[in-house]
C-alpha atoms as a PDB file:
ATOM      1  CA  MET A   1      84.237   7.374 156.439  1.00  0.00           C
ATOM      2  CA  GLU A   2      85.464   7.259 160.010  1.00  0.00           C
ATOM      3  CA  ASP A   3      84.729  10.023 162.500  1.00  0.00           C
ATOM      4  CA  TYR A   4      88.407  10.876 163.003  1.00  0.00           C
ATOM      5  CA  ARG A   5      88.379  12.650 159.628  1.00  0.00           C
ATOM      6  CA  LYS A   6      85.897  15.122 161.140  1.00  0.00           C
ATOM      7  CA  THR A   7      88.469  16.213 163.744  1.00  0.00           C
ATOM      8  CA  LYS A   8      88.834  19.990 163.660  1.00  0.00           C
ATOM      9  CA  GLY A   9      92.015  22.009 163.857  1.00  0.00           C
ATOM     10  CA  ARG A  10      93.466  25.396 163.007  1.00  0.00           C
ATOM     11  CA  ILE A  11      95.927  25.935 160.155  1.00  0.00           C
ATOM     12  CA  PHE A  12      97.438  29.036 158.575  1.00  0.00           C
ATOM     13  CA  ASP A  13      98.678  27.677 155.265  1.00  0.00           C
ATOM     14  CA  ILE A  14      98.910  24.670 152.953  1.00  0.00           C
ATOM     15  CA  GLN A  15     101.921  24.711 150.642  1.00  0.00           C
ATOM     16  CA  ARG A  16     101.831  22.363 147.671  1.00  0.00           C
ATOM     17  CA  TYR A  17     104.726  21.251 145.438  1.00  0.00           C
ATOM     18  CA  SER A  18     107.388  21.739 148.121  1.00  0.00           C
ATOM     19  CA  ILE A  19     110.743  19.964 147.807  1.00  0.00           C
ATOM     20  CA  HIS A  20     111.740  20.540 151.430  1.00  0.00           C
ATOM     21  CA  ASP A  21     110.812  18.977 154.793  1.00  0.00           C
ATOM     22  CA  GLY A  22     110.826  15.374 153.684  1.00  0.00           C
ATOM     23  CA  TYR A  23     111.470  13.278 150.603  1.00  0.00           C
ATOM     24  CA  GLY A  24     110.222  14.095 147.126  1.00  0.00           C
ATOM     25  CA  ILE A  25     107.468  16.557 146.264  1.00  0.00           C
ATOM     26  CA  ARG A  26     105.402  17.327 149.341  1.00  0.00           C
ATOM     27  CA  THR A  27     102.347  19.157 150.560  1.00  0.00           C
ATOM     28  CA  ILE A  28     103.141  20.978 153.792  1.00  0.00           C
ATOM     29  CA  VAL A  29     100.309  21.706 156.217  1.00  0.00           C
ATOM     30  CA  PHE A  30     101.137  24.520 158.642  1.00  0.00           C
ATOM     31  CA  LEU A  31      99.349  24.282 161.986  1.00  0.00           C
ATOM     32  CA  LYS A  32      98.741  27.242 164.297  1.00  0.00           C
ATOM     33  CA  GLY A  33     100.261  27.368 167.770  1.00  0.00           C
ATOM     34  CA  CYS A  34     103.709  26.934 169.312  1.00  0.00           C
ATOM     35  CA  VAL A  35     105.120  26.578 172.819  1.00  0.00           C
ATOM     36  CA  LEU A  36     108.448  28.233 171.959  1.00  0.00           C
ATOM     37  CA  ARG A  37     109.293  31.803 171.015  1.00  0.00           C
ATOM     38  CA  CYS A  38     112.522  31.347 169.079  1.00  0.00           C
ATOM     39  CA  ARG A  39     114.123  34.677 168.251  1.00  0.00           C
ATOM     40  CA  TRP A  40     114.792  33.600 164.660  1.00  0.00           C
ATOM     41  CA  CYS A  41     111.345  32.127 163.945  1.00  0.00           C
ATOM     42  CA  CYS A  42     110.504  32.578 160.253  1.00  0.00           C
ATOM     43  CA  ASN A  43     106.787  31.905 160.824  1.00  0.00           C
ATOM     44  CA  PRO A  44     105.829  34.309 163.644  1.00  0.00           C
ATOM     45  CA  GLU A  45     102.212  34.056 162.522  1.00  0.00           C
ATOM     46  CA  SER A  46     102.328  30.438 163.680  1.00  0.00           C
ATOM     47  CA  GLN A  47     103.186  31.183 167.292  1.00  0.00           C
ATOM     48  CA  GLU A  48      99.750  32.216 168.552  1.00  0.00           C
ATOM     49  CA  TYR A  49      96.887  29.742 168.262  1.00  0.00           C
ATOM     50  CA  ALA A  50      94.504  32.702 167.926  1.00  0.00           C
ATOM     51  CA  VAL A  51      93.372  33.882 164.506  1.00  0.00           C
ATOM     52  CA  GLN A  52      95.325  37.050 163.674  1.00  0.00           C
ATOM     53  CA  THR A  53      95.462  39.822 161.102  1.00  0.00           C
ATOM     54  CA  MET A  54      98.791  40.397 159.366  1.00  0.00           C
ATOM     55  CA  ILE A  55      99.624  43.067 156.810  1.00  0.00           C
ATOM     56  CA  VAL A  56     100.811  41.323 153.644  1.00  0.00           C
ATOM     57  CA  ARG A  57     101.852  43.484 150.669  1.00  0.00           C
ATOM     58  CA  SER A  58     100.104  46.487 152.267  1.00  0.00           C
ATOM     59  CA  GLU A  59      96.816  44.589 152.654  1.00  0.00           C
ATOM     60  CA  PRO A  60      95.344  43.074 155.850  1.00  0.00           C
ATOM     61  CA  GLN A  61      95.177  39.284 155.705  1.00  0.00           C
ATOM     62  CA  VAL A  62      93.464  36.944 158.155  1.00  0.00           C
ATOM     63  CA  ILE A  63      95.934  34.339 159.422  1.00  0.00           C
ATOM     64  CA  GLY A  64      94.372  31.143 160.706  1.00  0.00           C
ATOM     65  CA  ARG A  65      91.303  29.164 159.728  1.00  0.00           C
ATOM     66  CA  ASP A  66      89.456  26.256 161.267  1.00  0.00           C
ATOM     67  CA  VAL A  67      89.149  23.165 159.132  1.00  0.00           C
ATOM     68  CA  THR A  68      88.468  19.456 159.462  1.00  0.00           C
ATOM     69  CA  ALA A  69      91.071  16.814 158.732  1.00  0.00           C
ATOM     70  CA  GLU A  70      88.838  15.709 155.861  1.00  0.00           C
ATOM     71  CA  GLU A  71      89.035  19.149 154.227  1.00  0.00           C
ATOM     72  CA  VAL A  72      92.831  19.260 154.459  1.00  0.00           C
ATOM     73  CA  LEU A  73      93.216  15.712 153.178  1.00  0.00           C
ATOM     74  CA  ARG A  74      91.171  16.515 150.086  1.00  0.00           C
ATOM     75  CA  THR A  75      93.806  19.081 149.158  1.00  0.00           C
ATOM     76  CA  VAL A  76      96.665  16.733 150.047  1.00  0.00           C
ATOM     77  CA  GLU A  77      95.235  13.922 147.931  1.00  0.00           C
ATOM     78  CA  LYS A  78      95.158  16.093 144.788  1.00  0.00           C
ATOM     79  CA  ASP A  79      98.889  15.546 144.261  1.00  0.00           C
ATOM     80  CA  ARG A  80      99.007  11.813 144.794  1.00  0.00           C
ATOM     81  CA  ALA A  81     100.571  11.312 141.344  1.00  0.00           C
ATOM     82  CA  TYR A  82     103.516  13.543 142.247  1.00  0.00           C
ATOM     83  CA  TYR A  83     104.049  11.722 145.543  1.00  0.00           C
ATOM     84  CA  ARG A  84     104.065   8.379 143.765  1.00  0.00           C
ATOM     85  CA  ARG A  85     106.641   9.502 141.202  1.00  0.00           C
ATOM     86  CA  THR A  86     109.003  11.251 143.646  1.00  0.00           C
ATOM     87  CA  GLY A  87     108.552   9.402 146.937  1.00  0.00           C
ATOM     88  CA  GLY A  88     106.899  12.480 148.419  1.00  0.00           C
ATOM     89  CA  GLY A  89     103.860  12.959 150.622  1.00  0.00           C
ATOM     90  CA  MET A  90     102.422  15.171 153.348  1.00  0.00           C
ATOM     91  CA  THR A  91     104.432  17.024 156.005  1.00  0.00           C
ATOM     92  CA  LEU A  92     103.010  18.681 159.106  1.00  0.00           C
ATOM     93  CA  SER A  93     104.731  21.861 160.199  1.00  0.00           C
ATOM     94  CA  GLY A  94     103.954  25.031 162.113  1.00  0.00           C
ATOM     95  CA  GLY A  95     104.366  26.247 164.745  1.00  0.00           C
ATOM     96  CA  GLU A  96     104.496  22.985 166.598  1.00  0.00           C
ATOM     97  CA  SER A  97     102.095  20.355 165.301  1.00  0.00           C
ATOM     98  CA  LEU A  98     101.957  18.659 168.706  1.00  0.00           C
ATOM     99  CA  CYS A  99     100.123  21.684 170.114  1.00  0.00           C
ATOM    100  CA  GLN A 100      97.099  20.209 168.272  1.00  0.00           C
ATOM    101  CA  PRO A 101      97.725  16.494 168.870  1.00  0.00           C
ATOM    102  CA  GLU A 102      94.291  15.105 167.994  1.00  0.00           C
ATOM    103  CA  PHE A 103      94.177  17.075 164.758  1.00  0.00           C
ATOM    104  CA  ALA A 104      97.754  16.134 163.870  1.00  0.00           C
ATOM    105  CA  ALA A 105      97.038  12.455 164.508  1.00  0.00           C
ATOM    106  CA  ALA A 106      93.895  12.620 162.361  1.00  0.00           C
ATOM    107  CA  LEU A 107      95.789  14.201 159.458  1.00  0.00           C
ATOM    108  CA  LEU A 108      98.623  11.681 159.650  1.00  0.00           C
ATOM    109  CA  ARG A 109      96.275   8.725 159.980  1.00  0.00           C
ATOM    110  CA  GLY A 110      94.128   9.913 157.079  1.00  0.00           C
ATOM    111  CA  ALA A 111      97.145  10.312 154.823  1.00  0.00           C
ATOM    112  CA  LYS A 112      98.594   6.928 155.771  1.00  0.00           C
ATOM    113  CA  GLU A 113      95.306   5.137 155.210  1.00  0.00           C
ATOM    114  CA  ALA A 114      95.127   6.826 151.797  1.00  0.00           C
ATOM    115  CA  GLY A 115      98.555   5.431 150.940  1.00  0.00           C
ATOM    116  CA  ILE A 116     100.371   8.775 151.254  1.00  0.00           C
ATOM    117  CA  SER A 117     103.735   9.000 153.011  1.00  0.00           C
ATOM    118  CA  THR A 118     103.829  11.226 156.108  1.00  0.00           C
ATOM    119  CA  ALA A 119     106.371  13.427 157.843  1.00  0.00           C
ATOM    120  CA  MET A 120     106.291  15.864 160.744  1.00  0.00           C
ATOM    121  CA  GLU A 121     108.635  18.711 161.595  1.00  0.00           C
ATOM    122  CA  SER A 122     108.607  19.005 165.385  1.00  0.00           C
ATOM    123  CA  MET A 123     110.588  20.046 168.458  1.00  0.00           C
ATOM    124  CA  ALA A 124     109.157  17.188 170.548  1.00  0.00           C
ATOM    125  CA  CYS A 125     108.159  19.728 173.172  1.00  0.00           C
ATOM    126  CA  ALA A 126     105.199  17.760 174.503  1.00  0.00           C
ATOM    127  CA  LYS A 127     104.323  14.968 176.898  1.00  0.00           C
ATOM    128  CA  TRP A 128     105.613  11.597 175.731  1.00  0.00           C
ATOM    129  CA  GLU A 129     102.057  10.215 175.566  1.00  0.00           C
ATOM    130  CA  VAL A 130     101.202  12.908 173.013  1.00  0.00           C
ATOM    131  CA  ILE A 131     104.223  12.093 170.858  1.00  0.00           C
ATOM    132  CA  GLU A 132     103.601   8.354 170.997  1.00  0.00           C
ATOM    133  CA  SER A 133      99.993   8.892 169.877  1.00  0.00           C
ATOM    134  CA  VAL A 134     101.161  10.110 166.442  1.00  0.00           C
ATOM    135  CA  LEU A 135     104.067   7.703 165.860  1.00  0.00           C
ATOM    136  CA  PRO A 136     101.911   4.869 164.406  1.00  0.00           C
ATOM    137  CA  TRP A 137     100.945   7.158 161.501  1.00  0.00           C
ATOM    138  CA  LEU A 138     104.340   8.739 160.894  1.00  0.00           C
ATOM    139  CA  ASP A 139     107.009   7.745 158.345  1.00  0.00           C
ATOM    140  CA  GLN A 140     109.540  10.518 159.003  1.00  0.00           C
ATOM    141  CA  TYR A 141     110.143  12.467 162.208  1.00  0.00           C
ATOM    142  CA  LEU A 142     112.120  15.642 161.433  1.00  0.00           C
ATOM    143  CA  LEU A 143     113.226  16.547 164.938  1.00  0.00           C
ATOM    144  CA  ASP A 144     114.655  19.970 165.768  1.00  0.00           C
ATOM    145  CA  ILE A 145     117.476  20.061 168.305  1.00  0.00           C
ATOM    146  CA  LYS A 146     118.628  23.630 168.781  1.00  0.00           C
ATOM    147  CA  HIS A 147     121.139  23.473 171.632  1.00  0.00           C
ATOM    148  CA  ILE A 148     122.423  21.142 174.335  1.00  0.00           C
ATOM    149  CA  ASN A 149     122.845  23.844 176.996  1.00  0.00           C
ATOM    150  CA  ALA A 150     119.524  24.254 178.817  1.00  0.00           C
ATOM    151  CA  ALA A 151     120.124  27.826 179.995  1.00  0.00           C
ATOM    152  CA  LYS A 152     121.035  29.120 176.546  1.00  0.00           C
ATOM    153  CA  HIS A 153     118.079  27.273 175.033  1.00  0.00           C
ATOM    154  CA  GLN A 154     115.821  29.002 177.581  1.00  0.00           C
ATOM    155  CA  GLU A 155     117.322  32.404 176.812  1.00  0.00           C
ATOM    156  CA  PHE A 156     116.826  32.217 173.045  1.00  0.00           C
ATOM    157  CA  THR A 157     113.578  30.195 172.779  1.00  0.00           C
ATOM    158  CA  GLY A 158     111.697  30.879 176.010  1.00  0.00           C
ATOM    159  CA  LYS A 159     111.852  27.276 177.232  1.00  0.00           C
ATOM    160  CA  SER A 160     114.462  24.884 178.541  1.00  0.00           C
ATOM    161  CA  ASN A 161     115.286  21.775 176.528  1.00  0.00           C
ATOM    162  CA  GLU A 162     115.308  18.864 179.005  1.00  0.00           C
ATOM    163  CA  VAL A 163     111.941  17.442 177.913  1.00  0.00           C
ATOM    164  CA  MET A 164     112.861  17.727 174.231  1.00  0.00           C
ATOM    165  CA  LEU A 165     116.149  15.891 174.657  1.00  0.00           C
ATOM    166  CA  GLU A 166     114.492  13.187 176.759  1.00  0.00           C
ATOM    167  CA  ASN A 167     111.846  12.735 174.081  1.00  0.00           C
ATOM    168  CA  ALA A 168     114.515  12.534 171.368  1.00  0.00           C
ATOM    169  CA  VAL A 169     116.002   9.521 173.140  1.00  0.00           C
ATOM    170  CA  LYS A 170     112.570   7.898 173.448  1.00  0.00           C
ATOM    171  CA  ILE A 171     111.650   8.532 169.810  1.00  0.00           C
ATOM    172  CA  ALA A 172     114.941   7.028 168.680  1.00  0.00           C
ATOM    173  CA  ALA A 173     114.322   3.938 170.796  1.00  0.00           C
ATOM    174  CA  MET A 174     110.835   3.509 169.275  1.00  0.00           C
ATOM    175  CA  GLN A 175     111.848   3.726 165.617  1.00  0.00           C
ATOM    176  CA  LYS A 176     111.755   0.004 164.946  1.00  0.00           C
ATOM    177  CA  LYS A 177     108.481  -0.511 166.788  1.00  0.00           C
ATOM    178  CA  TYR A 178     106.680   2.171 164.789  1.00  0.00           C
ATOM    179  CA  GLN A 179     108.762   2.017 161.577  1.00  0.00           C
ATOM    180  CA  VAL A 180     109.459   5.747 161.745  1.00  0.00           C
ATOM    181  CA  GLU A 181     112.637   7.284 160.329  1.00  0.00           C
ATOM    182  CA  LEU A 182     114.284   9.868 162.595  1.00  0.00           C
ATOM    183  CA  SER A 183     116.359  12.766 161.279  1.00  0.00           C
ATOM    184  CA  ILE A 184     117.815  15.550 163.430  1.00  0.00           C
ATOM    185  CA  ARG A 185     117.602  19.138 162.199  1.00  0.00           C
ATOM    186  CA  VAL A 186     119.686  21.963 163.641  1.00  0.00           C
ATOM    187  CA  PRO A 187     118.911  25.586 162.789  1.00  0.00           C
ATOM    188  CA  VAL A 188     122.336  27.257 162.733  1.00  0.00           C
ATOM    189  CA  ILE A 189     121.852  30.659 164.357  1.00  0.00           C
ATOM    190  CA  PRO A 190     124.668  33.235 164.680  1.00  0.00           C
ATOM    191  CA  GLY A 191     125.283  34.118 168.305  1.00  0.00           C
ATOM    192  CA  PHE A 192     123.279  31.133 169.522  1.00  0.00           C
ATOM    193  CA  ASN A 193     124.757  27.848 168.304  1.00  0.00           C
ATOM    194  CA  ASP A 194     127.122  28.584 165.407  1.00  0.00           C
ATOM    195  CA  THR A 195     130.411  27.628 167.075  1.00  0.00           C
ATOM    196  CA  GLU A 196     132.234  24.369 166.457  1.00  0.00           C
ATOM    197  CA  GLN A 197     131.866  23.404 170.116  1.00  0.00           C
ATOM    198  CA  GLU A 198     128.097  23.903 170.138  1.00  0.00           C
ATOM    199  CA  ILE A 199     127.549  21.976 166.909  1.00  0.00           C
ATOM    200  CA  ARG A 200     129.923  19.259 168.134  1.00  0.00           C
ATOM    201  CA  GLU A 201     127.813  18.810 171.292  1.00  0.00           C
ATOM    202  CA  ILE A 202     124.587  18.490 169.293  1.00  0.00           C
ATOM    203  CA  ALA A 203     126.242  16.116 166.817  1.00  0.00           C
ATOM    204  CA  ALA A 204     127.672  13.955 169.605  1.00  0.00           C
ATOM    205  CA  PHE A 205     124.218  13.722 171.173  1.00  0.00           C
ATOM    206  CA  THR A 206     122.821  12.738 167.776  1.00  0.00           C
ATOM    207  CA  GLY A 207     125.473  10.041 167.433  1.00  0.00           C
ATOM    208  CA  ARG A 208     124.341   8.483 170.713  1.00  0.00           C
ATOM    209  CA  LEU A 209     120.740   8.160 169.535  1.00  0.00           C
ATOM    210  CA  GLU A 210     119.638   4.832 168.081  1.00  0.00           C
ATOM    211  CA  HIS A 211     119.334   4.420 164.303  1.00  0.00           C
ATOM    212  CA  VAL A 212     119.293   8.128 163.369  1.00  0.00           C
ATOM    213  CA  LYS A 213     119.104   8.516 159.589  1.00  0.00           C
ATOM    214  CA  ARG A 214     120.889  11.855 159.170  1.00  0.00           C
ATOM    215  CA  LEU A 215     121.642  15.272 160.629  1.00  0.00           C
ATOM    216  CA  HIS A 216     120.663  18.452 158.777  1.00  0.00           C
ATOM    217  CA  LEU A 217     122.278  21.835 159.397  1.00  0.00           C
ATOM    218  CA  LEU A 218     119.796  24.552 158.420  1.00  0.00           C
ATOM    219  CA  PRO A 219     121.421  27.981 157.983  1.00  0.00           C
ATOM    220  CA  TYR A 220     119.613  30.954 159.511  1.00  0.00           C
ATOM    221  CA  HIS A 221     117.862  33.220 157.010  1.00  0.00           C
ATOM    222  CA  ARG A 222     115.896  36.456 157.208  1.00  0.00           C
ATOM    223  CA  LEU A 223     112.984  35.451 154.949  1.00  0.00           C
ATOM    224  CA  GLY A 224     110.415  35.906 157.724  1.00  0.00           C
ATOM    225  CA  GLN A 225     111.503  39.408 158.707  1.00  0.00           C
ATOM    226  CA  ASP A 226     108.682  41.256 156.922  1.00  0.00           C
ATOM    227  CA  LYS A 227     106.093  39.144 158.736  1.00  0.00           C
ATOM    228  CA  TYR A 228     107.074  40.711 162.046  1.00  0.00           C
ATOM    229  CA  ALA A 229     106.367  44.170 160.669  1.00  0.00           C
ATOM    230  CA  GLY A 230     103.073  42.854 159.308  1.00  0.00           C
ATOM    231  CA  LEU A 231     102.143  41.707 162.809  1.00  0.00           C
ATOM    232  CA  GLY A 232     103.258  44.989 164.366  1.00  0.00           C
ATOM    233  CA  ARG A 233     106.237  43.340 166.066  1.00  0.00           C
ATOM    234  CA  GLU A 234     109.932  44.133 166.181  1.00  0.00           C
ATOM    235  CA  TYR A 235     112.210  41.594 164.481  1.00  0.00           C
ATOM    236  CA  PRO A 236     114.083  39.925 167.389  1.00  0.00           C
ATOM    237  CA  MET A 237     117.246  39.155 165.408  1.00  0.00           C
ATOM    238  CA  GLY A 238     117.918  42.784 164.515  1.00  0.00           C
ATOM    239  CA  ASP A 239     120.585  43.082 161.817  1.00  0.00           C
ATOM    240  CA  VAL A 240     122.172  39.655 162.380  1.00  0.00           C
ATOM    241  CA  GLU A 241     123.360  38.251 159.052  1.00  0.00           C
ATOM    242  CA  PRO A 242     123.081  34.606 157.919  1.00  0.00           C
ATOM    243  CA  PRO A 243     126.146  32.393 158.417  1.00  0.00           C
ATOM    244  CA  SER A 244     128.615  32.348 155.544  1.00  0.00           C
ATOM    245  CA  ASP A 245     129.085  29.340 153.273  1.00  0.00           C
ATOM    246  CA  ARG A 246     132.543  28.925 154.764  1.00  0.00           C
ATOM    247  CA  THR A 247     131.121  28.748 158.290  1.00  0.00           C
ATOM    248  CA  MET A 248     128.442  26.269 157.260  1.00  0.00           C
ATOM    249  CA  HIS A 249     130.935  23.931 155.600  1.00  0.00           C
ATOM    250  CA  MET A 250     133.231  24.131 158.618  1.00  0.00           C
ATOM    251  CA  LEU A 251     130.330  23.217 160.905  1.00  0.00           C
ATOM    252  CA  LEU A 252     129.310  20.437 158.511  1.00  0.00           C
ATOM    253  CA  GLN A 253     132.719  18.803 158.875  1.00  0.00           C
ATOM    254  CA  THR A 254     132.475  19.158 162.660  1.00  0.00           C
ATOM    255  CA  ALA A 255     129.039  17.517 162.642  1.00  0.00           C
ATOM    256  CA  LYS A 256     130.237  14.614 160.496  1.00  0.00           C
ATOM    257  CA  GLN A 257     133.207  13.912 162.752  1.00  0.00           C
ATOM    258  CA  ALA A 258     131.263  14.146 166.008  1.00  0.00           C
ATOM    259  CA  SER A 259     128.060  12.313 164.979  1.00  0.00           C
ATOM    260  CA  GLY A 260     129.202   9.476 162.762  1.00  0.00           C
ATOM    261  CA  VAL A 261     125.956   9.783 160.786  1.00  0.00           C
ATOM    262  CA  GLU A 262     125.182  11.214 157.349  1.00  0.00           C
ATOM    263  CA  CYS A 263     125.201  15.032 157.530  1.00  0.00           C
ATOM    264  CA  GLN A 264     124.081  17.683 155.082  1.00  0.00           C
ATOM    265  CA  ILE A 265     123.410  21.402 154.792  1.00  0.00           C
ATOM    266  CA  GLY A 266     119.741  22.195 154.199  1.00  0.00           C
ATOM    267  CA  GLY A 267     116.811  19.884 153.677  1.00  0.00           C
END
């Protein structure tokens, strides 16, 4: 067994039998730590790298544990039969997996060498050298693009988006070299990016990227609201409601027309 499987990292959950965030039935590994502070974040317990205590169903729960890649991969490998039947595999999520690049690379490499398909949900908010270090072990890159306007991105997430957009172009250009499939994911957030013009700009940018597989529109939801209370924090989105089905289908048509790639709601 190679030493890379002893690489340590910090996770806050492993979710088995998921049908989201990649093809087929998947095991999603949630890594601690994020560089953004998106107002709508549904995993606020992922934002801090530090181990935290969160109240869950009136009971304190420790959020975050240190593990080796080997330990995580033992859990991932339990469902190999399901991956084989459905085309599934392991997905890294968070937080932002690239905040723990050595650990992320070790997990992806271990899964690939075990014959398990890999995916990563990421904002590409990292140095290019960090991103390129994981591409050899990655089958699907699920790349979040939240807005084209840098100032509005800064206002709602805490960081500008120039580096992320630059990295999106580079990842797209490297798809053939590394045999990685790139999909763009857009969280549709009322008051942030839910107009036709804003979605059109993101879709047009997507259409200019090389060999993009598809564009996903992910409607805002309030499923993480109780976690903020559990962490003693105010929910940043207040009483904002999710977008209607009518709005989502209107934006879907806009995305299809502007991108020229396969588009879908959800996924």
